[in-house]
PDB file of N, CA and C in Angstrom:
ATOM      1  N   MET A   1      -6.458  10.836  40.989  1.00  0.00           N
ATOM      2  CA  MET A   1      -5.512  10.396  39.963  1.00  0.00           C
ATOM      3  C   MET A   1      -6.248   9.498  38.962  1.00  0.00           C
ATOM      4  N   ALA A   2      -6.113   9.794  37.706  1.00  0.00           N
ATOM      5  CA  ALA A   2      -6.783   9.018  36.664  1.00  0.00           C
ATOM      6  C   ALA A   2      -6.063   7.683  36.468  1.00  0.00           C
ATOM      7  N   GLU A   3      -6.849   6.655  36.192  1.00  0.00           N
ATOM      8  CA  GLU A   3      -6.245   5.349  35.917  1.00  0.00           C
ATOM      9  C   GLU A   3      -5.681   5.337  34.515  1.00  0.00           C
ATOM     10  N   ARG A   4      -4.531   4.727  34.398  1.00  0.00           N
ATOM     11  CA  ARG A   4      -3.971   4.639  33.053  1.00  0.00           C
ATOM     12  C   ARG A   4      -4.513   3.397  32.365  1.00  0.00           C
ATOM     13  N   GLN A   5      -4.679   3.533  31.081  1.00  0.00           N
ATOM     14  CA  GLN A   5      -5.200   2.457  30.251  1.00  0.00           C
ATOM     15  C   GLN A   5      -4.045   1.590  29.750  1.00  0.00           C
ATOM     16  N   LYS A   6      -4.336   0.319  29.554  1.00  0.00           N
ATOM     17  CA  LYS A   6      -3.369  -0.569  28.906  1.00  0.00           C
ATOM     18  C   LYS A   6      -4.010  -1.100  27.634  1.00  0.00           C
ATOM     19  N   THR A   7      -3.330  -0.897  26.535  1.00  0.00           N
ATOM     20  CA  THR A   7      -3.800  -1.348  25.227  1.00  0.00           C
ATOM     21  C   THR A   7      -2.857  -2.421  24.715  1.00  0.00           C
ATOM     22  N   VAL A   8      -3.417  -3.496  24.181  1.00  0.00           N
ATOM     23  CA  VAL A   8      -2.610  -4.549  23.569  1.00  0.00           C
ATOM     24  C   VAL A   8      -2.715  -4.403  22.051  1.00  0.00           C
ATOM     25  N   VAL A   9      -1.564  -4.329  21.406  1.00  0.00           N
ATOM     26  CA  VAL A   9      -1.491  -4.251  19.954  1.00  0.00           C
ATOM     27  C   VAL A   9      -0.856  -5.557  19.481  1.00  0.00           C
ATOM     28  N   ASP A  10      -1.674  -6.443  18.948  1.00  0.00           N
ATOM     29  CA  ASP A  10      -1.201  -7.758  18.521  1.00  0.00           C
ATOM     30  C   ASP A  10      -0.851  -7.710  17.039  1.00  0.00           C
ATOM     31  N   CYS A  11       0.443  -7.616  16.755  1.00  0.00           N
ATOM     32  CA  CYS A  11       0.930  -7.502  15.377  1.00  0.00           C
ATOM     33  C   CYS A  11       1.469  -8.823  14.847  1.00  0.00           C
ATOM     34  N   ARG A  12       1.256  -9.893  15.585  1.00  0.00           N
ATOM     35  CA  ARG A  12       1.787 -11.178  15.135  1.00  0.00           C
ATOM     36  C   ARG A  12       1.207 -11.521  13.765  1.00  0.00           C
ATOM     37  N   GLY A  13       2.081 -11.970  12.882  1.00  0.00           N
ATOM     38  CA  GLY A  13       1.660 -12.320  11.530  1.00  0.00           C
ATOM     39  C   GLY A  13       1.785 -11.173  10.542  1.00  0.00           C
ATOM     40  N   THR A  14       2.162  -9.976  11.013  1.00  0.00           N
ATOM     41  CA  THR A  14       2.397  -8.852  10.098  1.00  0.00           C
ATOM     42  C   THR A  14       3.887  -8.571  10.045  1.00  0.00           C
ATOM     43  N   PHE A  15       4.314  -7.997   8.945  1.00  0.00           N
ATOM     44  CA  PHE A  15       5.737  -7.767   8.745  1.00  0.00           C
ATOM     45  C   PHE A  15       6.002  -6.310   8.443  1.00  0.00           C
ATOM     46  N   CYS A  16       7.255  -5.922   8.568  1.00  0.00           N
ATOM     47  CA  CYS A  16       7.723  -4.553   8.402  1.00  0.00           C
ATOM     48  C   CYS A  16       7.074  -3.898   7.177  1.00  0.00           C
ATOM     49  N   PRO A  17       6.536  -2.723   7.359  1.00  0.00           N
ATOM     50  CA  PRO A  17       6.534  -1.847   8.520  1.00  0.00           C
ATOM     51  C   PRO A  17       5.274  -1.970   9.389  1.00  0.00           C
ATOM     52  N   GLY A  18       4.487  -3.012   9.202  1.00  0.00           N
ATOM     53  CA  GLY A  18       3.208  -3.159   9.896  1.00  0.00           C
ATOM     54  C   GLY A  18       3.258  -3.005  11.411  1.00  0.00           C
ATOM     55  N   PRO A  19       4.132  -3.736  12.118  1.00  0.00           N
ATOM     56  CA  PRO A  19       4.156  -3.603  13.569  1.00  0.00           C
ATOM     57  C   PRO A  19       4.474  -2.179  14.046  1.00  0.00           C
ATOM     58  N   LEU A  20       5.408  -1.520  13.387  1.00  0.00           N
ATOM     59  CA  LEU A  20       5.743  -0.157  13.775  1.00  0.00           C
ATOM     60  C   LEU A  20       4.574   0.787  13.504  1.00  0.00           C
ATOM     61  N   LEU A  21       3.932   0.649  12.355  1.00  0.00           N
ATOM     62  CA  LEU A  21       2.797   1.522  12.030  1.00  0.00           C
ATOM     63  C   LEU A  21       1.643   1.313  13.004  1.00  0.00           C
ATOM     64  N   GLN A  22       1.384   0.075  13.386  1.00  0.00           N
ATOM     65  CA  GLN A  22       0.311  -0.195  14.349  1.00  0.00           C
ATOM     66  C   GLN A  22       0.667   0.360  15.727  1.00  0.00           C
ATOM     67  N   THR A  23       1.940   0.304  16.081  1.00  0.00           N
ATOM     68  CA  THR A  23       2.399   0.873  17.353  1.00  0.00           C
ATOM     69  C   THR A  23       2.203   2.388  17.348  1.00  0.00           C
ATOM     70  N   ILE A  24       2.585   3.039  16.276  1.00  0.00           N
ATOM     71  CA  ILE A  24       2.439   4.490  16.158  1.00  0.00           C
ATOM     72  C   ILE A  24       0.971   4.885  16.284  1.00  0.00           C
ATOM     73  N   GLN A  25       0.075   4.167  15.620  1.00  0.00           N
ATOM     74  CA  GLN A  25      -1.355   4.470  15.702  1.00  0.00           C
ATOM     75  C   GLN A  25      -1.862   4.347  17.133  1.00  0.00           C
ATOM     76  N   ALA A  26      -1.447   3.312  17.838  1.00  0.00           N
ATOM     77  CA  ALA A  26      -1.894   3.108  19.223  1.00  0.00           C
ATOM     78  C   ALA A  26      -1.366   4.212  20.128  1.00  0.00           C
ATOM     79  N   VAL A  27      -0.124   4.615  19.936  1.00  0.00           N
ATOM     80  CA  VAL A  27       0.460   5.679  20.760  1.00  0.00           C
ATOM     81  C   VAL A  27      -0.267   7.003  20.509  1.00  0.00           C
ATOM     82  N   LYS A  28      -0.626   7.283  19.263  1.00  0.00           N
ATOM     83  CA  LYS A  28      -1.345   8.528  18.941  1.00  0.00           C
ATOM     84  C   LYS A  28      -2.697   8.605  19.651  1.00  0.00           C
ATOM     85  N   LYS A  29      -3.340   7.456  19.865  1.00  0.00           N
ATOM     86  CA  LYS A  29      -4.648   7.417  20.521  1.00  0.00           C
ATOM     87  C   LYS A  29      -4.545   7.434  22.047  1.00  0.00           C
ATOM     88  N   ALA A  30      -3.359   7.151  22.567  1.00  0.00           N
ATOM     89  CA  ALA A  30      -3.162   7.025  24.015  1.00  0.00           C
ATOM     90  C   ALA A  30      -2.975   8.389  24.669  1.00  0.00           C
ATOM     91  N   LYS A  31      -3.195   8.400  25.986  1.00  0.00           N
ATOM     92  CA  LYS A  31      -2.965   9.597  26.797  1.00  0.00           C
ATOM     93  C   LYS A  31      -1.660   9.414  27.562  1.00  0.00           C
ATOM     94  N   ASN A  32      -1.101  10.516  28.037  1.00  0.00           N
ATOM     95  CA  ASN A  32       0.131  10.443  28.830  1.00  0.00           C
ATOM     96  C   ASN A  32      -0.048   9.486  29.997  1.00  0.00           C
ATOM     97  N   GLY A  33       0.920   8.597  30.167  1.00  0.00           N
ATOM     98  CA  GLY A  33       0.889   7.629  31.255  1.00  0.00           C
ATOM     99  C   GLY A  33       0.279   6.292  30.874  1.00  0.00           C
ATOM    100  N   ASP A  34      -0.425   6.225  29.741  1.00  0.00           N
ATOM    101  CA  ASP A  34      -1.010   4.956  29.303  1.00  0.00           C
ATOM    102  C   ASP A  34       0.078   3.967  28.914  1.00  0.00           C
ATOM    103  N   LEU A  35      -0.280   2.689  28.960  1.00  0.00           N
ATOM    104  CA  LEU A  35       0.641   1.618  28.586  1.00  0.00           C
ATOM    105  C   LEU A  35       0.184   0.967  27.291  1.00  0.00           C
ATOM    106  N   ILE A  36       1.147   0.635  26.454  1.00  0.00           N
ATOM    107  CA  ILE A  36       0.886  -0.076  25.200  1.00  0.00           C
ATOM    108  C   ILE A  36       1.740  -1.341  25.219  1.00  0.00           C
ATOM    109  N   ALA A  37       1.103  -2.495  25.110  1.00  0.00           N
ATOM    110  CA  ALA A  37       1.820  -3.764  24.982  1.00  0.00           C
ATOM    111  C   ALA A  37       1.743  -4.171  23.517  1.00  0.00           C
ATOM    112  N   VAL A  38       2.885  -4.314  22.894  1.00  0.00           N
ATOM    113  CA  VAL A  38       2.951  -4.673  21.477  1.00  0.00           C
ATOM    114  C   VAL A  38       3.509  -6.086  21.358  1.00  0.00           C
ATOM    115  N   TYR A  39       2.778  -6.947  20.641  1.00  0.00           N
ATOM    116  CA  TYR A  39       3.221  -8.320  20.379  1.00  0.00           C
ATOM    117  C   TYR A  39       3.619  -8.407  18.911  1.00  0.00           C
ATOM    118  N   SER A  40       4.843  -8.834  18.656  1.00  0.00           N
ATOM    119  CA  SER A  40       5.307  -8.922  17.279  1.00  0.00           C
ATOM    120  C   SER A  40       6.201 -10.144  17.091  1.00  0.00           C
ATOM    121  N   ASP A  41       6.028 -10.801  15.952  1.00  0.00           N
ATOM    122  CA  ASP A  41       6.923 -11.897  15.592  1.00  0.00           C
ATOM    123  C   ASP A  41       7.809 -11.523  14.399  1.00  0.00           C
ATOM    124  N   ASP A  42       7.835 -10.234  14.063  1.00  0.00           N
ATOM    125  CA  ASP A  42       8.698  -9.735  12.989  1.00  0.00           C
ATOM    126  C   ASP A  42      10.052  -9.357  13.584  1.00  0.00           C
ATOM    127  N   SER A  43      11.126  -9.948  13.095  1.00  0.00           N
ATOM    128  CA  SER A  43      12.452  -9.718  13.676  1.00  0.00           C
ATOM    129  C   SER A  43      12.886  -8.254  13.602  1.00  0.00           C
ATOM    130  N   GLY A  44      12.418  -7.522  12.609  1.00  0.00           N
ATOM    131  CA  GLY A  44      12.771  -6.103  12.484  1.00  0.00           C
ATOM    132  C   GLY A  44      12.224  -5.242  13.611  1.00  0.00           C
ATOM    133  N   SER A  45      11.180  -5.724  14.261  1.00  0.00           N
ATOM    134  CA  SER A  45      10.587  -4.974  15.369  1.00  0.00           C
ATOM    135  C   SER A  45      11.556  -4.811  16.528  1.00  0.00           C
ATOM    136  N   LYS A  46      12.447  -5.771  16.700  1.00  0.00           N
ATOM    137  CA  LYS A  46      13.433  -5.703  17.785  1.00  0.00           C
ATOM    138  C   LYS A  46      14.269  -4.440  17.711  1.00  0.00           C
ATOM    139  N   ARG A  47      14.492  -3.961  16.517  1.00  0.00           N
ATOM    140  CA  ARG A  47      15.270  -2.749  16.297  1.00  0.00           C
ATOM    141  C   ARG A  47      14.363  -1.533  16.139  1.00  0.00           C
ATOM    142  N   ASP A  48      13.321  -1.676  15.306  1.00  0.00           N
ATOM    143  CA  ASP A  48      12.494  -0.533  14.924  1.00  0.00           C
ATOM    144  C   ASP A  48      11.694   0.071  16.074  1.00  0.00           C
ATOM    145  N   ILE A  49      11.035  -0.763  16.854  1.00  0.00           N
ATOM    146  CA  ILE A  49      10.148  -0.245  17.901  1.00  0.00           C
ATOM    147  C   ILE A  49      10.940   0.476  18.998  1.00  0.00           C
ATOM    148  N   PRO A  50      12.013  -0.117  19.559  1.00  0.00           N
ATOM    149  CA  PRO A  50      12.774   0.631  20.568  1.00  0.00           C
ATOM    150  C   PRO A  50      13.334   1.964  20.051  1.00  0.00           C
ATOM    151  N   LEU A  51      13.828   1.980  18.812  1.00  0.00           N
ATOM    152  CA  LEU A  51      14.349   3.235  18.253  1.00  0.00           C
ATOM    153  C   LEU A  51      13.262   4.290  18.135  1.00  0.00           C
ATOM    154  N   TRP A  52      12.090   3.901  17.640  1.00  0.00           N
ATOM    155  CA  TRP A  52      10.990   4.858  17.488  1.00  0.00           C
ATOM    156  C   TRP A  52      10.534   5.382  18.845  1.00  0.00           C
ATOM    157  N   VAL A  53      10.424   4.490  19.831  1.00  0.00           N
ATOM    158  CA  VAL A  53      10.006   4.887  21.177  1.00  0.00           C
ATOM    159  C   VAL A  53      10.977   5.928  21.742  1.00  0.00           C
ATOM    160  N   GLN A  54      12.265   5.657  21.624  1.00  0.00           N
ATOM    161  CA  GLN A  54      13.273   6.577  22.147  1.00  0.00           C
ATOM    162  C   GLN A  54      13.237   7.925  21.428  1.00  0.00           C
ATOM    163  N   LYS A  55      13.168   7.898  20.097  1.00  0.00           N
ATOM    164  CA  LYS A  55      13.165   9.135  19.308  1.00  0.00           C
ATOM    165  C   LYS A  55      11.951  10.009  19.612  1.00  0.00           C
ATOM    166  N   ASN A  56      10.856   9.399  20.039  1.00  0.00           N
ATOM    167  CA  ASN A  56       9.627  10.144  20.258  1.00  0.00           C
ATOM    168  C   ASN A  56       9.341  10.434  21.728  1.00  0.00           C
ATOM    169  N   GLY A  57      10.319  10.177  22.585  1.00  0.00           N
ATOM    170  CA  GLY A  57      10.225  10.593  23.976  1.00  0.00           C
ATOM    171  C   GLY A  57       9.333   9.754  24.871  1.00  0.00           C
ATOM    172  N   HIS A  58       9.062   8.528  24.478  1.00  0.00           N
ATOM    173  CA  HIS A  58       8.272   7.633  25.318  1.00  0.00           C
ATOM    174  C   HIS A  58       9.228   6.710  26.078  1.00  0.00           C
ATOM    175  N   LYS A  59       8.672   5.871  26.965  1.00  0.00           N
ATOM    176  CA  LYS A  59       9.509   4.966  27.752  1.00  0.00           C
ATOM    177  C   LYS A  59       9.271   3.524  27.328  1.00  0.00           C
ATOM    178  N   LEU A  60      10.342   2.831  27.038  1.00  0.00           N
ATOM    179  CA  LEU A  60      10.268   1.399  26.773  1.00  0.00           C
ATOM    180  C   LEU A  60      10.520   0.711  28.111  1.00  0.00           C
ATOM    181  N   LEU A  61       9.456   0.207  28.730  1.00  0.00           N
ATOM    182  CA  LEU A  61       9.557  -0.373  30.061  1.00  0.00           C
ATOM    183  C   LEU A  61      10.159  -1.767  30.050  1.00  0.00           C
ATOM    184  N   SER A  62       9.859  -2.547  29.002  1.00  0.00           N
ATOM    185  CA  SER A  62      10.423  -3.893  28.927  1.00  0.00           C
ATOM    186  C   SER A  62      10.323  -4.443  27.516  1.00  0.00           C
ATOM    187  N   VAL A  63      11.208  -5.385  27.240  1.00  0.00           N
ATOM    188  CA  VAL A  63      11.184  -6.171  26.003  1.00  0.00           C
ATOM    189  C   VAL A  63      11.347  -7.616  26.455  1.00  0.00           C
ATOM    190  N   ASN A  64      10.307  -8.417  26.227  1.00  0.00           N
ATOM    191  CA  ASN A  64      10.325  -9.803  26.692  1.00  0.00           C
ATOM    192  C   ASN A  64      10.181 -10.768  25.531  1.00  0.00           C
ATOM    193  N   GLU A  65      11.092 -11.717  25.480  1.00  0.00           N
ATOM    194  CA  GLU A  65      11.007 -12.788  24.480  1.00  0.00           C
ATOM    195  C   GLU A  65       9.984 -13.800  24.989  1.00  0.00           C
ATOM    196  N   ARG A  66       8.911 -13.953  24.273  1.00  0.00           N
ATOM    197  CA  ARG A  66       7.897 -14.948  24.602  1.00  0.00           C
ATOM    198  C   ARG A  66       8.047 -16.099  23.621  1.00  0.00           C
ATOM    199  N   GLU A  67       7.251 -17.121  23.785  1.00  0.00           N
ATOM    200  CA  GLU A  67       7.330 -18.251  22.864  1.00  0.00           C
ATOM    201  C   GLU A  67       6.725 -17.865  21.521  1.00  0.00           C
ATOM    202  N   GLY A  68       7.586 -17.605  20.544  1.00  0.00           N
ATOM    203  CA  GLY A  68       7.141 -17.289  19.195  1.00  0.00           C
ATOM    204  C   GLY A  68       6.928 -15.818  18.907  1.00  0.00           C
ATOM    205  N   PHE A  69       7.111 -14.933  19.894  1.00  0.00           N
ATOM    206  CA  PHE A  69       6.956 -13.506  19.640  1.00  0.00           C
ATOM    207  C   PHE A  69       7.697 -12.692  20.695  1.00  0.00           C
ATOM    208  N   ILE A  70       7.791 -11.383  20.447  1.00  0.00           N
ATOM    209  CA  ILE A  70       8.411 -10.452  21.375  1.00  0.00           C
ATOM    210  C   ILE A  70       7.318  -9.530  21.901  1.00  0.00           C
ATOM    211  N   GLU A  71       7.366  -9.253  23.201  1.00  0.00           N
ATOM    212  CA  GLU A  71       6.416  -8.319  23.814  1.00  0.00           C
ATOM    213  C   GLU A  71       7.173  -7.064  24.220  1.00  0.00           C
ATOM    214  N   PHE A  72       6.714  -5.922  23.720  1.00  0.00           N
ATOM    215  CA  PHE A  72       7.272  -4.618  24.079  1.00  0.00           C
ATOM    216  C   PHE A  72       6.248  -3.925  24.964  1.00  0.00           C
ATOM    217  N   LEU A  73       6.677  -3.376  26.091  1.00  0.00           N
ATOM    218  CA  LEU A  73       5.782  -2.610  26.949  1.00  0.00           C
ATOM    219  C   LEU A  73       6.249  -1.160  26.939  1.00  0.00           C
ATOM    220  N   ILE A  74       5.359  -0.299  26.464  1.00  0.00           N
ATOM    221  CA  ILE A  74       5.671   1.116  26.255  1.00  0.00           C
ATOM    222  C   ILE A  74       4.795   1.963  27.157  1.00  0.00           C
ATOM    223  N   GLU A  75       5.409   2.963  27.789  1.00  0.00           N
ATOM    224  CA  GLU A  75       4.641   3.972  28.529  1.00  0.00           C
ATOM    225  C   GLU A  75       4.635   5.247  27.704  1.00  0.00           C
ATOM    226  N   VAL A  76       3.457   5.744  27.429  1.00  0.00           N
ATOM    227  CA  VAL A  76       3.300   6.946  26.606  1.00  0.00           C
ATOM    228  C   VAL A  76       3.498   8.170  27.482  1.00  0.00           C
TER     229      VAL A  76
END
């Protein structure tokens, strides 16, 4: 069984549509089963990233409010 990779996409300090575009780029480079952790402090990401993940057939494993940012964990 191949090990899945975990990629961190740190979008803190960027604003719409930056976090979503960076997430899309990371997902395109990932293989099935890989994990993508996205860090964003843009309030629009709370809506945009989960919707995009769902529409594109990936799994949103968690959304965690951290101090000053939101962490999204996506399984490709």
